[in-house]
């Protein structure tokens, strides 16, 4: 099955137990890490955005292997783009 986000094709088989385990584990870790970061005091809004984006980057790389986050976001730390990508992968 393919998923296209920001013109990048990502492949995964949600009916495959091994892939699903990796997917679920990464999504749960992302949720838990994001919850933990909510309690942190960031010195700036930019630092907060960067932290949120890093959590998403790790999640995508854990699901799809090394590199998708760089291809998806081109090194940008735009929190809206990252959250939209999470929404799209969640609906997948």
Protein backbone atom coordinates (compact mmCIF):
# COMPACT_ATOMS: atom_id res chain seq x y z
CA UNK A 1 0.00 0.00 0.00
CA UNK A 2 1.26 3.45 -0.83
CA UNK A 3 0.82 6.70 1.00
CA UNK A 4 1.78 10.00 -0.62
CA UNK A 5 2.71 12.92 1.61
CA UNK A 6 4.33 16.08 0.23
CA UNK A 7 4.79 14.30 -3.12
CA UNK A 8 6.82 11.54 -1.43
CA UNK A 9 5.64 7.95 -1.79
CA UNK A 10 5.81 5.86 1.34
CA UNK A 11 5.09 2.16 1.24
CA UNK A 12 3.85 -0.14 3.93
CA UNK A 13 1.54 -3.08 4.32
CA UNK A 14 -0.93 -2.47 7.13
CA UNK A 15 -2.14 -6.07 6.81
CA UNK A 16 1.37 -7.40 7.56
CA UNK A 17 1.84 -8.11 11.28
CA UNK A 18 5.52 -7.09 11.29
CA UNK A 19 4.84 -3.76 9.60
CA UNK A 20 1.78 -3.11 11.76
CA UNK A 21 3.79 -3.77 14.90
CA UNK A 22 6.43 -1.26 13.78
CA UNK A 23 3.72 1.24 12.83
CA UNK A 24 1.82 0.92 16.11
CA UNK A 25 4.95 1.03 18.24
CA UNK A 26 6.20 4.19 16.50
CA UNK A 27 2.83 5.93 16.73
CA UNK A 28 2.45 5.11 20.42
CA UNK A 29 6.00 6.29 21.11
CA UNK A 30 5.29 9.53 19.22
CA UNK A 31 2.10 10.11 21.24
CA UNK A 32 3.84 9.41 24.55
CA UNK A 33 6.86 11.56 23.71
CA UNK A 34 4.63 14.42 22.59
CA UNK A 35 2.67 14.19 25.86
CA UNK A 36 5.91 14.26 27.84
CA UNK A 37 7.16 17.31 25.93
CA UNK A 38 3.93 19.19 26.71
CA UNK A 39 5.13 19.56 30.28
CA UNK A 40 8.49 21.02 29.29
CA UNK A 41 9.20 24.73 29.40
CA UNK A 42 10.72 25.77 26.11
CA UNK A 43 12.61 29.06 26.05
CA UNK A 44 11.00 30.09 22.76
CA UNK A 45 8.12 29.14 20.48
CA UNK A 46 10.72 28.13 17.89
CA UNK A 47 12.26 25.64 20.31
CA UNK A 48 8.81 24.21 20.99
CA UNK A 49 8.09 23.84 17.25
CA UNK A 50 11.47 22.23 16.65
CA UNK A 51 10.86 19.70 19.42
CA UNK A 52 7.46 18.79 17.98
CA UNK A 53 8.92 18.37 14.51
CA UNK A 54 11.73 16.16 15.82
CA UNK A 55 9.20 13.84 17.46
CA UNK A 56 7.41 13.48 14.11
CA UNK A 57 10.68 12.97 12.22
CA UNK A 58 11.67 10.13 14.52
CA UNK A 59 8.27 8.51 14.12
CA UNK A 60 8.39 8.53 10.32
CA UNK A 61 11.93 7.16 10.28
CA UNK A 62 10.96 4.42 12.72
CA UNK A 63 7.98 3.38 10.59
CA UNK A 64 9.51 3.63 7.12
CA UNK A 65 13.26 3.25 7.78
CA UNK A 66 16.01 5.85 7.74
CA UNK A 67 15.48 8.89 5.55
CA UNK A 68 11.76 9.52 4.96
CA UNK A 69 11.61 12.51 7.30
CA UNK A 70 14.35 14.28 5.34
CA UNK A 71 12.55 13.58 2.05
CA UNK A 72 9.14 14.54 3.42
CA UNK A 73 10.12 17.82 5.01
CA UNK A 74 13.38 18.77 3.27
CA UNK A 75 14.99 19.69 6.56
CA UNK A 76 12.29 22.25 7.36
CA UNK A 77 10.85 22.41 10.85
CA UNK A 78 7.37 23.65 9.97
CA UNK A 79 5.09 22.39 12.71
CA UNK A 80 1.95 22.63 10.57
CA UNK A 81 3.47 20.51 7.77
CA UNK A 82 4.61 17.93 10.31
CA UNK A 83 1.22 17.74 12.02
CA UNK A 84 -0.56 17.44 8.67
CA UNK A 85 1.72 14.52 7.79
CA UNK A 86 0.87 12.84 11.11
CA UNK A 87 -2.82 13.33 10.39
CA UNK A 88 -2.44 11.76 6.96
CA UNK A 89 -0.49 8.73 8.21
CA UNK A 90 -3.00 8.31 11.06
CA UNK A 91 -5.89 8.19 8.58
CA UNK A 92 -4.00 5.71 6.39
